[in-house]
Amino acid sequence: MERLDKILVTEGLGSRKEVHKIILSKRVRIDGVVITKPDYKVDSERCEIMLDGQVLNVKKHVYIMLNKPAGYVSATEDNLNRTVMELVPKELYRKGLFPAGRLDKDTEGLMIITDDGDFAHKLTSPKNHVFKTYYAELDKTPTQEDIDSFESGMILEDGTRLLPAKLAVLGKNKARVFICEGKFHQVKKMFAARGMRVQYLKREKIGGLELDSDLPKGSCRELTKSDKDVIFLVK
């Protein structure tokens, strides 16, 4: 149960003050009954909420797939750079959205944006072993020794200890990496520790969820229930 005014603010219908005016003006009905109390408690999953005769599709949480292009930082706000939040279209935007995990500014690919903190924690916590899959183009071709180093759990020059990761060679100067944590510049640092430089990096999958091949760079779509479920099926 949530306050009516909070629900309307979350849905992007105005500030708290503006929403109060809407409610007091008798423009809101819940299950057909006019409600004029901003603090009225509503179960948005069971009740029909209408504004000016139109049913509001109220959701407790929003889950968005973004095909992140290079040039955007994974943050809600940044004084110097464009953020991934600027790519969320108005019809999907709501107060409280944030990127669940991060991609480097010049890294492309699959990112999830949500307002569900519990879901984001489950997605990003290393103990849940939700592997993220990256495609990388390098200045050298990895060797078997590099594969073994990734699998053993690397220790970086600064002493950072990394969990075991998987490295698959796809061809000359191309590889796919599987990691279940997301330390700062991790994939690039892992290759750098093996004497390689990443020239292009794209996240292709989170758990069992693949980036939608029909989703253009910079575009978003909502996740379906099956999208959310498949994330945690693959370890």
Protein backbone atom coordinates (compact mmCIF):
# COMPACT_ATOMS: atom_id res chain seq x y z
CA MET A 1 0.00 0.00 0.00
CA GLU A 2 1.34 3.43 -1.00
CA ARG A 3 0.13 7.00 -0.70
CA LEU A 4 -1.78 8.19 -3.74
CA ASP A 5 0.34 11.32 -4.09
CA LYS A 6 3.55 9.28 -4.04
CA ILE A 7 2.25 6.98 -6.78
CA LEU A 8 1.34 9.91 -9.02
CA VAL A 9 4.69 11.63 -8.46
CA THR A 10 6.51 8.38 -9.28
CA GLU A 11 4.50 8.11 -12.48
CA GLY A 12 5.89 11.50 -13.51
CA LEU A 13 2.61 13.41 -13.26
CA GLY A 14 4.18 16.36 -11.45
CA SER A 15 5.83 17.49 -8.25
CA ARG A 16 4.26 16.68 -4.88
CA LYS A 17 2.60 20.12 -4.88
CA GLU A 18 1.29 19.72 -8.43
CA VAL A 19 -0.04 16.25 -7.70
CA HIS A 20 -1.87 17.53 -4.61
CA LYS A 21 -3.68 20.05 -6.83
CA ILE A 22 -4.66 17.28 -9.24
CA ILE A 23 -6.11 15.16 -6.42
CA LEU A 24 -7.90 18.05 -4.70
CA SER A 25 -9.45 19.01 -8.05
CA LYS A 26 -11.37 15.69 -8.04
CA ARG A 27 -9.57 14.45 -11.16
CA VAL A 28 -8.54 11.09 -9.69
CA ARG A 29 -10.76 8.03 -9.26
CA ILE A 30 -9.85 4.73 -7.62
CA ASP A 31 -12.09 1.85 -8.59
CA GLY A 32 -14.61 4.42 -9.82
CA VAL A 33 -14.66 6.50 -6.63
CA VAL A 34 -13.37 10.09 -6.60
CA ILE A 35 -10.51 10.44 -4.11
CA THR A 36 -9.52 13.87 -2.79
CA LYS A 37 -7.04 12.88 -0.09
CA PRO A 38 -3.38 12.94 -1.20
CA ASP A 39 -2.39 10.54 1.61
CA TYR A 40 -5.04 7.96 0.63
CA LYS A 41 -3.43 4.47 0.71
CA VAL A 42 -3.67 2.48 -2.51
CA ASP A 43 -2.68 -1.02 -3.59
CA SER A 44 -1.70 -0.12 -7.13
CA GLU A 45 -1.50 -3.76 -8.22
CA ARG A 46 -5.11 -4.45 -7.25
CA CYS A 47 -6.88 -1.11 -7.73
CA GLU A 48 -7.76 0.74 -10.93
CA ILE A 49 -6.46 4.30 -10.80
CA MET A 50 -7.90 6.80 -13.29
CA LEU A 51 -6.86 10.36 -14.06
CA ASP A 52 -9.27 12.49 -16.07
CA GLY A 53 -11.09 9.34 -17.15
CA GLN A 54 -7.95 7.56 -18.38
CA VAL A 55 -6.68 4.40 -16.63
CA LEU A 56 -3.10 4.74 -15.39
CA ASN A 57 -0.88 1.74 -16.02
CA VAL A 58 0.79 1.91 -12.62
CA LYS A 59 3.72 -0.42 -12.00
CA LYS A 60 5.52 -0.99 -8.74
CA HIS A 61 8.88 -1.08 -10.51
CA VAL A 62 10.22 -0.48 -14.00
CA TYR A 63 12.90 -2.57 -15.73
CA ILE A 64 14.47 -1.24 -18.92
CA MET A 65 16.92 -2.72 -21.41
CA LEU A 66 19.27 -0.13 -22.92
CA ASN A 67 21.62 -0.67 -25.83
CA LYS A 68 24.27 1.69 -24.50
CA PRO A 69 26.37 3.54 -27.07
CA ALA A 70 29.88 4.80 -26.40
CA GLY A 71 30.19 8.30 -24.97
CA TYR A 72 27.75 7.98 -22.06
CA VAL A 73 28.61 7.37 -18.41
CA SER A 74 26.72 4.95 -16.18
CA ALA A 75 25.36 7.45 -13.68
CA THR A 76 22.16 9.29 -12.85
CA GLU A 77 23.93 12.67 -12.89
CA ASP A 78 27.28 13.96 -14.12
CA ASN A 79 28.47 17.54 -14.49
CA LEU A 80 30.89 16.78 -17.30
CA ASN A 81 29.47 13.91 -19.34
CA ARG A 82 26.24 12.72 -20.85
CA THR A 83 24.62 9.99 -18.77
CA VAL A 84 22.70 6.87 -19.76
CA MET A 85 19.63 8.37 -18.08
CA GLU A 86 19.42 10.90 -20.92
CA LEU A 87 18.66 7.98 -23.26
CA VAL A 88 15.54 6.85 -21.38
CA PRO A 89 12.49 8.07 -23.34
CA LYS A 90 9.84 10.11 -21.59
CA GLU A 91 7.25 7.33 -21.73
CA LEU A 92 9.55 4.98 -19.76
CA TYR A 93 11.05 7.51 -17.39
CA ARG A 94 10.01 7.69 -13.77
CA LYS A 95 11.51 9.11 -10.60
CA GLY A 96 14.09 6.89 -8.91
CA LEU A 97 15.51 5.15 -12.00
CA PHE A 98 19.21 4.26 -11.97
CA PRO A 99 21.60 2.01 -13.93
CA ALA A 100 21.93 -1.45 -12.36
CA GLY A 101 25.69 -1.87 -12.62
CA ARG A 102 27.91 0.10 -14.93
CA LEU A 103 29.69 0.12 -18.24
CA ASP A 104 32.71 2.27 -18.98
CA LYS A 105 32.12 5.45 -20.96
CA ASP A 106 33.54 3.95 -24.16
CA THR A 107 31.98 0.49 -23.68
CA GLU A 108 28.80 -0.40 -25.54
CA GLY A 109 26.02 -2.90 -25.11
CA LEU A 110 23.49 -4.30 -22.68
CA MET A 111 22.58 -2.26 -19.63
CA ILE A 112 19.58 -2.55 -17.33
CA ILE A 113 17.98 0.54 -15.81
CA THR A 114 15.50 0.14 -12.96
CA ASP A 115 14.09 1.64 -9.78
CA ASP A 116 14.15 -1.73 -7.96
CA GLY A 117 17.08 -1.72 -5.55
CA ASP A 118 16.67 -5.36 -4.49
CA PHE A 119 16.68 -6.51 -8.11
CA ALA A 120 19.79 -4.43 -8.89
CA HIS A 121 21.63 -5.85 -5.87
CA LYS A 122 20.76 -9.41 -6.89
CA LEU A 123 21.97 -8.64 -10.40
CA THR A 124 25.31 -7.10 -9.45
CA SER A 125 26.38 -8.92 -6.28
CA PRO A 126 29.28 -11.31 -7.06
CA LYS A 127 27.94 -13.88 -4.59
CA ASN A 128 24.95 -14.47 -6.89
CA HIS A 129 27.27 -15.46 -9.77
CA VAL A 130 25.29 -13.71 -12.49
CA PHE A 131 27.85 -13.80 -15.29
CA LYS A 132 28.18 -10.88 -17.67
CA THR A 133 29.35 -11.67 -21.20
CA TYR A 134 31.59 -9.26 -23.13
CA TYR A 135 32.87 -9.26 -26.69
CA ALA A 136 36.35 -7.73 -26.98
CA GLU A 137 38.61 -6.69 -29.82
CA LEU A 138 42.28 -6.52 -28.82
CA ASP A 139 45.68 -5.56 -30.14
CA LYS A 140 46.86 -9.17 -29.71
CA THR A 141 45.38 -12.64 -29.78
CA PRO A 142 45.08 -14.29 -26.33
CA THR A 143 47.01 -17.49 -25.67
CA GLN A 144 46.27 -20.56 -23.58
CA GLU A 145 48.32 -19.00 -20.80
CA ASP A 146 45.99 -15.99 -20.84
CA ILE A 147 42.97 -18.30 -20.65
CA ASP A 148 44.49 -20.11 -17.67
CA SER A 149 45.30 -16.81 -15.95
CA PHE A 150 41.70 -15.61 -16.25
CA GLU A 151 40.38 -18.92 -14.92
CA SER A 152 42.71 -18.98 -11.92
CA GLY A 153 41.47 -15.66 -10.53
CA MET A 154 43.87 -12.83 -11.23
CA ILE A 155 45.54 -10.44 -8.82
CA LEU A 156 46.08 -7.01 -10.36
CA GLU A 157 49.14 -4.83 -9.81
CA ASP A 158 47.33 -2.77 -7.18
CA GLY A 159 46.60 -5.93 -5.19
CA THR A 160 42.97 -6.27 -6.26
CA ARG A 161 41.99 -9.93 -6.23
CA LEU A 162 39.51 -10.98 -8.91
CA LEU A 163 37.18 -13.95 -9.00
CA PRO A 164 37.79 -16.64 -11.63
CA ALA A 165 36.64 -15.59 -15.10
CA LYS A 166 36.33 -17.32 -18.45
CA LEU A 167 38.12 -16.27 -21.61
CA ALA A 168 37.27 -17.69 -25.04
CA VAL A 169 39.33 -16.88 -28.12
CA LEU A 170 37.14 -16.16 -31.15
CA GLY A 171 39.83 -15.58 -33.72
CA LYS A 172 42.67 -13.18 -34.41
CA ASN A 173 42.60 -10.38 -31.80
CA LYS A 174 39.02 -11.26 -30.78
CA ALA A 175 37.72 -12.79 -27.56
CA ARG A 176 34.72 -13.27 -25.35
CA VAL A 177 34.95 -12.75 -21.58
CA PHE A 178 32.64 -13.98 -18.82
CA ILE A 179 32.82 -12.32 -15.39
CA CYS A 180 30.48 -12.31 -12.38
CA GLU A 181 31.71 -9.08 -10.80
CA GLY A 182 32.04 -5.54 -12.08
CA LYS A 183 35.04 -3.76 -10.65
CA PHE A 184 36.12 -0.45 -12.20
CA HIS A 185 37.51 -1.02 -15.73
CA GLN A 186 37.80 -4.70 -14.81
CA VAL A 187 37.86 -6.29 -18.26
CA LYS A 188 40.35 -3.76 -19.57
CA LYS A 189 42.58 -4.20 -16.52
CA MET A 190 42.52 -7.98 -16.86
CA PHE A 191 43.70 -7.82 -20.45
CA ALA A 192 46.24 -5.13 -19.56
CA ALA A 193 47.67 -7.42 -16.88
CA ARG A 194 48.30 -9.95 -19.65
CA GLY A 195 49.94 -7.39 -21.93
CA MET A 196 46.95 -6.68 -24.17
CA ARG A 197 45.01 -3.51 -24.90
CA VAL A 198 41.25 -3.49 -25.45
CA GLN A 199 40.31 -1.60 -28.60
CA TYR A 200 36.57 -2.28 -28.51
CA LEU A 201 34.32 -3.68 -25.80
CA LYS A 202 30.63 -4.60 -25.81
CA ARG A 203 28.50 -6.33 -23.20
CA GLU A 204 26.34 -8.93 -24.92
CA LYS A 205 24.59 -10.73 -22.08
CA ILE A 206 23.68 -10.49 -18.39
CA GLY A 207 23.05 -13.98 -17.09
CA GLY A 208 20.79 -15.58 -19.68
CA LEU A 209 19.50 -12.26 -21.04
CA GLU A 210 20.91 -11.28 -24.42
CA LEU A 211 20.95 -7.79 -25.84
CA ASP A 212 18.02 -7.50 -28.24
CA SER A 213 19.53 -7.58 -31.73
CA ASP A 214 16.69 -5.40 -33.01
CA LEU A 215 17.36 -2.64 -30.47
CA PRO A 216 19.40 0.19 -32.05
CA LYS A 217 22.25 1.84 -30.14
CA GLY A 218 20.91 4.42 -27.73
CA SER A 219 17.45 2.84 -27.66
CA CYS A 220 15.46 1.31 -24.79
CA ARG A 221 12.62 -1.12 -24.26
CA GLU A 222 10.96 -2.54 -21.17
CA LEU A 223 11.96 -5.99 -20.01
CA THR A 224 9.27 -8.65 -20.12
CA LYS A 225 8.68 -11.07 -17.25
CA SER A 226 10.49 -13.80 -19.20
CA ASP A 227 13.43 -11.41 -19.74
CA LYS A 228 13.74 -10.93 -15.99
CA ASP A 229 13.36 -14.62 -15.25
CA VAL A 230 16.00 -15.77 -17.74
CA ILE A 231 18.65 -13.47 -16.25
CA PHE A 232 19.00 -15.69 -13.20
CA LEU A 233 18.61 -19.07 -14.93
CA VAL A 234 22.16 -19.17 -16.30
CA LYS A 235 25.11 -19.31 -13.89
